[in-house]
Amino acid sequence: MVDSIILAENDRVEQQLSSGQLSINATAVASIIVSRECRRLVMSEYLDGVGRGYRCTDLDDGARCDRCGEGLTVVMR
């Protein structure tokens, strides 16, 4: 299992994404951040190619992204 935390200002990410001046990798990360759909799908389409993406609902077992129902996890130290 992999957990990730992305800290970003959503408005700023959207501005950078719409500018068209980001690298391919930065565009992929920005798309994951601003997406309103399953984050696993957006990441899977980037890594596996458009049209081959998998959603959280395609998994038999595993954690779902915050868009598909798991929500945000509060990290405590």
PDB file of N, CA and C in Angstrom:
ATOM      1  N   MET A   1       0.841  -1.168   0.000  1.00  0.00           N
ATOM      2  CA  MET A   1       0.000   0.000   0.000  1.00  0.00           C
ATOM      3  C   MET A   1       0.890   1.236   0.000  1.00  0.00           C
ATOM      4  N   VAL A   2       0.439   2.249  -0.668  1.00  0.00           N
ATOM      5  CA  VAL A   2       1.171   3.507  -0.729  1.00  0.00           C
ATOM      6  C   VAL A   2       0.240   4.624  -0.270  1.00  0.00           C
ATOM      7  N   ASP A   3       0.714   5.432   0.637  1.00  0.00           N
ATOM      8  CA  ASP A   3      -0.010   6.624   1.057  1.00  0.00           C
ATOM      9  C   ASP A   3       0.746   7.828   0.532  1.00  0.00           C
ATOM     10  N   SER A   4       0.021   8.844   0.134  1.00  0.00           N
ATOM     11  CA  SER A   4       0.689  10.070  -0.300  1.00  0.00           C
ATOM     12  C   SER A   4      -0.067  11.270   0.233  1.00  0.00           C
ATOM     13  N   ILE A   5       0.689  12.310   0.479  1.00  0.00           N
ATOM     14  CA  ILE A   5       0.124  13.571   0.936  1.00  0.00           C
ATOM     15  C   ILE A   5       0.620  14.645  -0.014  1.00  0.00           C
ATOM     16  N   ILE A   6      -0.310  15.391  -0.573  1.00  0.00           N
ATOM     17  CA  ILE A   6       0.049  16.478  -1.482  1.00  0.00           C
ATOM     18  C   ILE A   6      -0.456  17.769  -0.867  1.00  0.00           C
ATOM     19  N   LEU A   7       0.447  18.687  -0.648  1.00  0.00           N
ATOM     20  CA  LEU A   7       0.090  20.001  -0.118  1.00  0.00           C
ATOM     21  C   LEU A   7       0.240  21.013  -1.240  1.00  0.00           C
ATOM     22  N   ALA A   8      -0.867  21.612  -1.617  1.00  0.00           N
ATOM     23  CA  ALA A   8      -0.831  22.562  -2.724  1.00  0.00           C
ATOM     24  C   ALA A   8      -2.030  23.498  -2.615  1.00  0.00           C
ATOM     25  N   GLU A   9      -1.863  24.671  -3.147  1.00  0.00           N
ATOM     26  CA  GLU A   9      -2.971  25.612  -3.244  1.00  0.00           C
ATOM     27  C   GLU A   9      -3.733  25.286  -4.520  1.00  0.00           C
ATOM     28  N   ASN A  10      -4.974  24.843  -4.375  1.00  0.00           N
ATOM     29  CA  ASN A  10      -5.751  24.366  -5.512  1.00  0.00           C
ATOM     30  C   ASN A  10      -5.868  25.421  -6.606  1.00  0.00           C
ATOM     31  N   ASP A  11      -6.132  26.682  -6.244  1.00  0.00           N
ATOM     32  CA  ASP A  11      -6.257  27.737  -7.261  1.00  0.00           C
ATOM     33  C   ASP A  11      -4.967  27.913  -8.042  1.00  0.00           C
ATOM     34  N   ARG A  12      -3.849  27.847  -7.338  1.00  0.00           N
ATOM     35  CA  ARG A  12      -2.556  28.018  -8.010  1.00  0.00           C
ATOM     36  C   ARG A  12      -2.278  26.853  -8.957  1.00  0.00           C
ATOM     37  N   VAL A  13      -2.607  25.646  -8.529  1.00  0.00           N
ATOM     38  CA  VAL A  13      -2.413  24.476  -9.381  1.00  0.00           C
ATOM     39  C   VAL A  13      -3.271  24.591 -10.633  1.00  0.00           C
ATOM     40  N   GLU A  14      -4.525  25.014 -10.480  1.00  0.00           N
ATOM     41  CA  GLU A  14      -5.402  25.182 -11.635  1.00  0.00           C
ATOM     42  C   GLU A  14      -4.858  26.234 -12.602  1.00  0.00           C
ATOM     43  N   GLN A  15      -4.303  27.324 -12.079  1.00  0.00           N
ATOM     44  CA  GLN A  15      -3.715  28.364 -12.928  1.00  0.00           C
ATOM     45  C   GLN A  15      -2.532  27.808 -13.712  1.00  0.00           C
ATOM     46  N   GLN A  16      -1.657  27.084 -13.031  1.00  0.00           N
ATOM     47  CA  GLN A  16      -0.487  26.515 -13.698  1.00  0.00           C
ATOM     48  C   GLN A  16      -0.900  25.488 -14.751  1.00  0.00           C
ATOM     49  N   LEU A  17      -1.908  24.690 -14.439  1.00  0.00           N
ATOM     50  CA  LEU A  17      -2.379  23.672 -15.372  1.00  0.00           C
ATOM     51  C   LEU A  17      -2.955  24.311 -16.628  1.00  0.00           C
ATOM     52  N   SER A  18      -3.730  25.369 -16.447  1.00  0.00           N
ATOM     53  CA  SER A  18      -4.334  26.028 -17.610  1.00  0.00           C
ATOM     54  C   SER A  18      -3.333  26.841 -18.423  1.00  0.00           C
ATOM     55  N   SER A  19      -2.178  27.161 -17.840  1.00  0.00           N
ATOM     56  CA  SER A  19      -1.170  27.942 -18.577  1.00  0.00           C
ATOM     57  C   SER A  19      -0.523  27.132 -19.687  1.00  0.00           C
ATOM     58  N   GLY A  20      -0.535  25.789 -19.542  1.00  0.00           N
ATOM     59  CA  GLY A  20       0.068  24.937 -20.572  1.00  0.00           C
ATOM     60  C   GLY A  20       1.576  24.935 -20.555  1.00  0.00           C
ATOM     61  N   GLN A  21       2.194  25.473 -19.515  1.00  0.00           N
ATOM     62  CA  GLN A  21       3.648  25.575 -19.474  1.00  0.00           C
ATOM     63  C   GLN A  21       4.294  24.560 -18.527  1.00  0.00           C
ATOM     64  N   LEU A  22       3.533  23.598 -18.022  1.00  0.00           N
ATOM     65  CA  LEU A  22       4.080  22.594 -17.121  1.00  0.00           C
ATOM     66  C   LEU A  22       4.665  21.431 -17.913  1.00  0.00           C
ATOM     67  N   SER A  23       5.623  20.754 -17.317  1.00  0.00           N
ATOM     68  CA  SER A  23       6.164  19.550 -17.934  1.00  0.00           C
ATOM     69  C   SER A  23       5.096  18.462 -17.937  1.00  0.00           C
ATOM     70  N   ILE A  24       5.348  17.386 -18.646  1.00  0.00           N
ATOM     71  CA  ILE A  24       4.383  16.284 -18.699  1.00  0.00           C
ATOM     72  C   ILE A  24       4.123  15.730 -17.308  1.00  0.00           C
ATOM     73  N   ASN A  25       5.171  15.515 -16.523  1.00  0.00           N
ATOM     74  CA  ASN A  25       5.011  14.979 -15.172  1.00  0.00           C
ATOM     75  C   ASN A  25       4.272  15.955 -14.262  1.00  0.00           C
ATOM     76  N   ALA A  26       4.599  17.220 -14.339  1.00  0.00           N
ATOM     77  CA  ALA A  26       3.924  18.225 -13.513  1.00  0.00           C
ATOM     78  C   ALA A  26       2.453  18.343 -13.912  1.00  0.00           C
ATOM     79  N   THR A  27       2.160  18.210 -15.189  1.00  0.00           N
ATOM     80  CA  THR A  27       0.776  18.235 -15.659  1.00  0.00           C
ATOM     81  C   THR A  27      -0.002  17.045 -15.096  1.00  0.00           C
ATOM     82  N   ALA A  28       0.627  15.879 -15.053  1.00  0.00           N
ATOM     83  CA  ALA A  28      -0.024  14.691 -14.504  1.00  0.00           C
ATOM     84  C   ALA A  28      -0.340  14.883 -13.025  1.00  0.00           C
ATOM     85  N   VAL A  29       0.600  15.394 -12.260  1.00  0.00           N
ATOM     86  CA  VAL A  29       0.384  15.621 -10.830  1.00  0.00           C
ATOM     87  C   VAL A  29      -0.708  16.670 -10.633  1.00  0.00           C
ATOM     88  N   ALA A  30      -0.663  17.736 -11.407  1.00  0.00           N
ATOM     89  CA  ALA A  30      -1.685  18.783 -11.301  1.00  0.00           C
ATOM     90  C   ALA A  30      -3.065  18.222 -11.640  1.00  0.00           C
ATOM     91  N   SER A  31      -3.151  17.357 -12.617  1.00  0.00           N
ATOM     92  CA  SER A  31      -4.425  16.752 -13.000  1.00  0.00           C
ATOM     93  C   SER A  31      -4.982  15.882 -11.879  1.00  0.00           C
ATOM     94  N   ILE A  32      -4.111  15.161 -11.187  1.00  0.00           N
ATOM     95  CA  ILE A  32      -4.529  14.340 -10.055  1.00  0.00           C
ATOM     96  C   ILE A  32      -5.081  15.231  -8.942  1.00  0.00           C
ATOM     97  N   ILE A  33      -4.432  16.360  -8.707  1.00  0.00           N
ATOM     98  CA  ILE A  33      -4.841  17.267  -7.631  1.00  0.00           C
ATOM     99  C   ILE A  33      -6.207  17.882  -7.908  1.00  0.00           C
ATOM    100  N   VAL A  34      -6.440  18.367  -9.107  1.00  0.00           N
ATOM    101  CA  VAL A  34      -7.670  19.111  -9.397  1.00  0.00           C
ATOM    102  C   VAL A  34      -8.820  18.239  -9.875  1.00  0.00           C
ATOM    103  N   SER A  35      -8.567  16.978 -10.145  1.00  0.00           N
ATOM    104  CA  SER A  35      -9.609  16.094 -10.655  1.00  0.00           C
ATOM    105  C   SER A  35     -10.784  15.975  -9.687  1.00  0.00           C
ATOM    106  N   ARG A  36     -11.981  15.913 -10.245  1.00  0.00           N
ATOM    107  CA  ARG A  36     -13.192  15.711  -9.446  1.00  0.00           C
ATOM    108  C   ARG A  36     -13.608  14.246  -9.468  1.00  0.00           C
ATOM    109  N   GLU A  37     -12.901  13.429 -10.253  1.00  0.00           N
ATOM    110  CA  GLU A  37     -13.235  12.007 -10.320  1.00  0.00           C
ATOM    111  C   GLU A  37     -12.197  11.179  -9.567  1.00  0.00           C
ATOM    112  N   CYS A  38     -12.288   9.902  -9.655  1.00  0.00           N
ATOM    113  CA  CYS A  38     -11.408   8.976  -8.940  1.00  0.00           C
ATOM    114  C   CYS A  38      -9.937   9.307  -9.207  1.00  0.00           C
ATOM    115  N   ARG A  39      -9.190   9.536  -8.145  1.00  0.00           N
ATOM    116  CA  ARG A  39      -7.764   9.874  -8.304  1.00  0.00           C
ATOM    117  C   ARG A  39      -6.965   8.691  -8.827  1.00  0.00           C
ATOM    118  N   ARG A  40      -7.388   7.477  -8.461  1.00  0.00           N
ATOM    119  CA  ARG A  40      -6.713   6.272  -8.966  1.00  0.00           C
ATOM    120  C   ARG A  40      -6.858   6.201 -10.485  1.00  0.00           C
ATOM    121  N   LEU A  41      -8.031   6.570 -11.013  1.00  0.00           N
ATOM    122  CA  LEU A  41      -8.260   6.560 -12.453  1.00  0.00           C
ATOM    123  C   LEU A  41      -7.332   7.540 -13.158  1.00  0.00           C
ATOM    124  N   VAL A  42      -7.249   8.757 -12.643  1.00  0.00           N
ATOM    125  CA  VAL A  42      -6.402   9.777 -13.265  1.00  0.00           C
ATOM    126  C   VAL A  42      -4.936   9.325 -13.257  1.00  0.00           C
ATOM    127  N   MET A  43      -4.479   8.791 -12.113  1.00  0.00           N
ATOM    128  CA  MET A  43      -3.097   8.331 -12.015  1.00  0.00           C
ATOM    129  C   MET A  43      -2.856   7.120 -12.915  1.00  0.00           C
ATOM    130  N   SER A  44      -3.806   6.196 -12.941  1.00  0.00           N
ATOM    131  CA  SER A  44      -3.682   4.999 -13.757  1.00  0.00           C
ATOM    132  C   SER A  44      -3.637   5.335 -15.243  1.00  0.00           C
ATOM    133  N   GLU A  45      -4.460   6.291 -15.662  1.00  0.00           N
ATOM    134  CA  GLU A  45      -4.436   6.690 -17.075  1.00  0.00           C
ATOM    135  C   GLU A  45      -3.100   7.316 -17.453  1.00  0.00           C
ATOM    136  N   TYR A  46      -2.502   8.059 -16.541  1.00  0.00           N
ATOM    137  CA  TYR A  46      -1.185   8.650 -16.815  1.00  0.00           C
ATOM    138  C   TYR A  46      -0.121   7.567 -16.906  1.00  0.00           C
ATOM    139  N   LEU A  47      -0.143   6.634 -15.963  1.00  0.00           N
ATOM    140  CA  LEU A  47       0.893   5.602 -15.914  1.00  0.00           C
ATOM    141  C   LEU A  47       0.695   4.500 -16.956  1.00  0.00           C
ATOM    142  N   ASP A  48      -0.554   4.117 -17.214  1.00  0.00           N
ATOM    143  CA  ASP A  48      -0.842   2.987 -18.094  1.00  0.00           C
ATOM    144  C   ASP A  48      -1.327   3.385 -19.473  1.00  0.00           C
ATOM    145  N   GLY A  49      -1.640   4.631 -19.667  1.00  0.00           N
ATOM    146  CA  GLY A  49      -2.146   5.093 -20.949  1.00  0.00           C
ATOM    147  C   GLY A  49      -3.634   5.380 -20.879  1.00  0.00           C
ATOM    148  N   VAL A  50      -4.056   6.411 -21.559  1.00  0.00           N
ATOM    149  CA  VAL A  50      -5.462   6.815 -21.554  1.00  0.00           C
ATOM    150  C   VAL A  50      -6.309   5.658 -22.076  1.00  0.00           C
ATOM    151  N   GLY A  51      -7.427   5.434 -21.418  1.00  0.00           N
ATOM    152  CA  GLY A  51      -8.310   4.348 -21.814  1.00  0.00           C
ATOM    153  C   GLY A  51      -8.043   3.048 -21.085  1.00  0.00           C
ATOM    154  N   ARG A  52      -6.947   2.980 -20.330  1.00  0.00           N
ATOM    155  CA  ARG A  52      -6.611   1.763 -19.592  1.00  0.00           C
ATOM    156  C   ARG A  52      -6.719   1.959 -18.085  1.00  0.00           C
ATOM    157  N   GLY A  53      -7.306   3.048 -17.677  1.00  0.00           N
ATOM    158  CA  GLY A  53      -7.334   3.385 -16.260  1.00  0.00           C
ATOM    159  C   GLY A  53      -8.237   2.493 -15.426  1.00  0.00           C
ATOM    160  N   TYR A  54      -7.874   2.381 -14.178  1.00  0.00           N
ATOM    161  CA  TYR A  54      -8.656   1.605 -13.215  1.00  0.00           C
ATOM    162  C   TYR A  54      -9.156   2.532 -12.119  1.00  0.00           C
ATOM    163  N   ARG A  55     -10.404   2.361 -11.751  1.00  0.00           N
ATOM    164  CA  ARG A  55     -11.016   3.124 -10.657  1.00  0.00           C
ATOM    165  C   ARG A  55     -10.913   2.325  -9.367  1.00  0.00           C
ATOM    166  N   CYS A  56     -11.089   3.002  -8.254  1.00  0.00           N
ATOM    167  CA  CYS A  56     -11.114   2.326  -6.952  1.00  0.00           C
ATOM    168  C   CYS A  56     -12.178   1.239  -6.932  1.00  0.00           C
ATOM    169  N   THR A  57     -13.288   1.475  -7.616  1.00  0.00           N
ATOM    170  CA  THR A  57     -14.384   0.501  -7.621  1.00  0.00           C
ATOM    171  C   THR A  57     -14.038  -0.752  -8.421  1.00  0.00           C
ATOM    172  N   ASP A  58     -12.954  -0.726  -9.192  1.00  0.00           N
ATOM    173  CA  ASP A  58     -12.515  -1.903  -9.946  1.00  0.00           C
ATOM    174  C   ASP A  58     -11.736  -2.884  -9.077  1.00  0.00           C
ATOM    175  N   LEU A  59     -11.367  -2.468  -7.882  1.00  0.00           N
ATOM    176  CA  LEU A  59     -10.569  -3.305  -6.994  1.00  0.00           C
ATOM    177  C   LEU A  59     -11.457  -4.162  -6.107  1.00  0.00           C
ATOM    178  N   ASP A  60     -11.042  -5.395  -5.886  1.00  0.00           N
ATOM    179  CA  ASP A  60     -11.751  -6.259  -4.946  1.00  0.00           C
ATOM    180  C   ASP A  60     -11.401  -5.895  -3.512  1.00  0.00           C
ATOM    181  N   ASP A  61     -10.153  -5.509  -3.307  1.00  0.00           N
ATOM    182  CA  ASP A  61      -9.673  -5.213  -1.970  1.00  0.00           C
ATOM    183  C   ASP A  61      -8.707  -4.038  -2.073  1.00  0.00           C
ATOM    184  N   GLY A  62      -8.711  -3.190  -1.102  1.00  0.00           N
ATOM    185  CA  GLY A  62      -7.784  -2.074  -1.103  1.00  0.00           C
ATOM    186  C   GLY A  62      -8.462  -0.788  -0.685  1.00  0.00           C
ATOM    187  N   ALA A  63      -7.652   0.143  -0.306  1.00  0.00           N
ATOM    188  CA  ALA A  63      -8.164   1.439   0.129  1.00  0.00           C
ATOM    189  C   ALA A  63      -8.644   2.232  -1.078  1.00  0.00           C
ATOM    190  N   ARG A  64      -9.670   3.010  -0.851  1.00  0.00           N
ATOM    191  CA  ARG A  64     -10.190   3.875  -1.906  1.00  0.00           C
ATOM    192  C   ARG A  64      -9.623   5.280  -1.726  1.00  0.00           C
ATOM    193  N   CYS A  65      -9.568   6.014  -2.812  1.00  0.00           N
ATOM    194  CA  CYS A  65      -9.082   7.387  -2.743  1.00  0.00           C
ATOM    195  C   CYS A  65     -10.125   8.266  -2.044  1.00  0.00           C
ATOM    196  N   ASP A  66      -9.755   9.487  -1.747  1.00  0.00           N
ATOM    197  CA  ASP A  66     -10.676  10.391  -1.054  1.00  0.00           C
ATOM    198  C   ASP A  66     -11.902  10.727  -1.899  1.00  0.00           C
ATOM    199  N   ARG A  67     -11.821  10.622  -3.201  1.00  0.00           N
ATOM    200  CA  ARG A  67     -12.965  10.905  -4.065  1.00  0.00           C
ATOM    201  C   ARG A  67     -13.969   9.752  -4.110  1.00  0.00           C
ATOM    202  N   CYS A  68     -13.493   8.542  -3.854  1.00  0.00           N
ATOM    203  CA  CYS A  68     -14.343   7.352  -3.971  1.00  0.00           C
ATOM    204  C   CYS A  68     -14.895   6.856  -2.635  1.00  0.00           C
ATOM    205  N   GLY A  69     -14.647   7.569  -1.587  1.00  0.00           N
ATOM    206  CA  GLY A  69     -15.318   7.184  -0.373  1.00  0.00           C
ATOM    207  C   GLY A  69     -14.497   7.062   0.892  1.00  0.00           C
ATOM    208  N   GLU A  70     -13.205   6.893   0.795  1.00  0.00           N
ATOM    209  CA  GLU A  70     -12.403   6.777   2.011  1.00  0.00           C
ATOM    210  C   GLU A  70     -12.277   8.120   2.701  1.00  0.00           C
ATOM    211  N   GLY A  71     -12.368   9.197   1.943  1.00  0.00           N
ATOM    212  CA  GLY A  71     -12.217  10.517   2.534  1.00  0.00           C
ATOM    213  C   GLY A  71     -10.766  10.807   2.882  1.00  0.00           C
ATOM    214  N   LEU A  72     -10.565  11.898   3.549  1.00  0.00           N
ATOM    215  CA  LEU A  72      -9.224  12.290   3.950  1.00  0.00           C
ATOM    216  C   LEU A  72      -8.878  11.626   5.272  1.00  0.00           C
ATOM    217  N   THR A  73      -7.634  11.265   5.423  1.00  0.00           N
ATOM    218  CA  THR A  73      -7.157  10.684   6.667  1.00  0.00           C
ATOM    219  C   THR A  73      -6.378  11.732   7.429  1.00  0.00           C
ATOM    220  N   VAL A  74      -6.674  11.880   8.687  1.00  0.00           N
ATOM    221  CA  VAL A  74      -5.959  12.827   9.533  1.00  0.00           C
ATOM    222  C   VAL A  74      -4.706  12.126  10.055  1.00  0.00           C
ATOM    223  N   VAL A  75      -3.578  12.731   9.789  1.00  0.00           N
ATOM    224  CA  VAL A  75      -2.310  12.164  10.249  1.00  0.00           C
ATOM    225  C   VAL A  75      -1.936  12.820  11.564  1.00  0.00           C
ATOM    226  N   MET A  76      -1.744  12.010  12.584  1.00  0.00           N
ATOM    227  CA  MET A  76      -1.404  12.504  13.924  1.00  0.00           C
ATOM    228  C   MET A  76      -0.002  12.019  14.274  1.00  0.00           C
ATOM    229  N   ARG A  77       0.752  12.846  14.940  1.00  0.00           N
ATOM    230  CA  ARG A  77       2.085  12.437  15.417  1.00  0.00           C
ATOM    231  C   ARG A  77       2.035  12.191  16.874  1.00  0.00           C
TER     232      ARG A  77
END
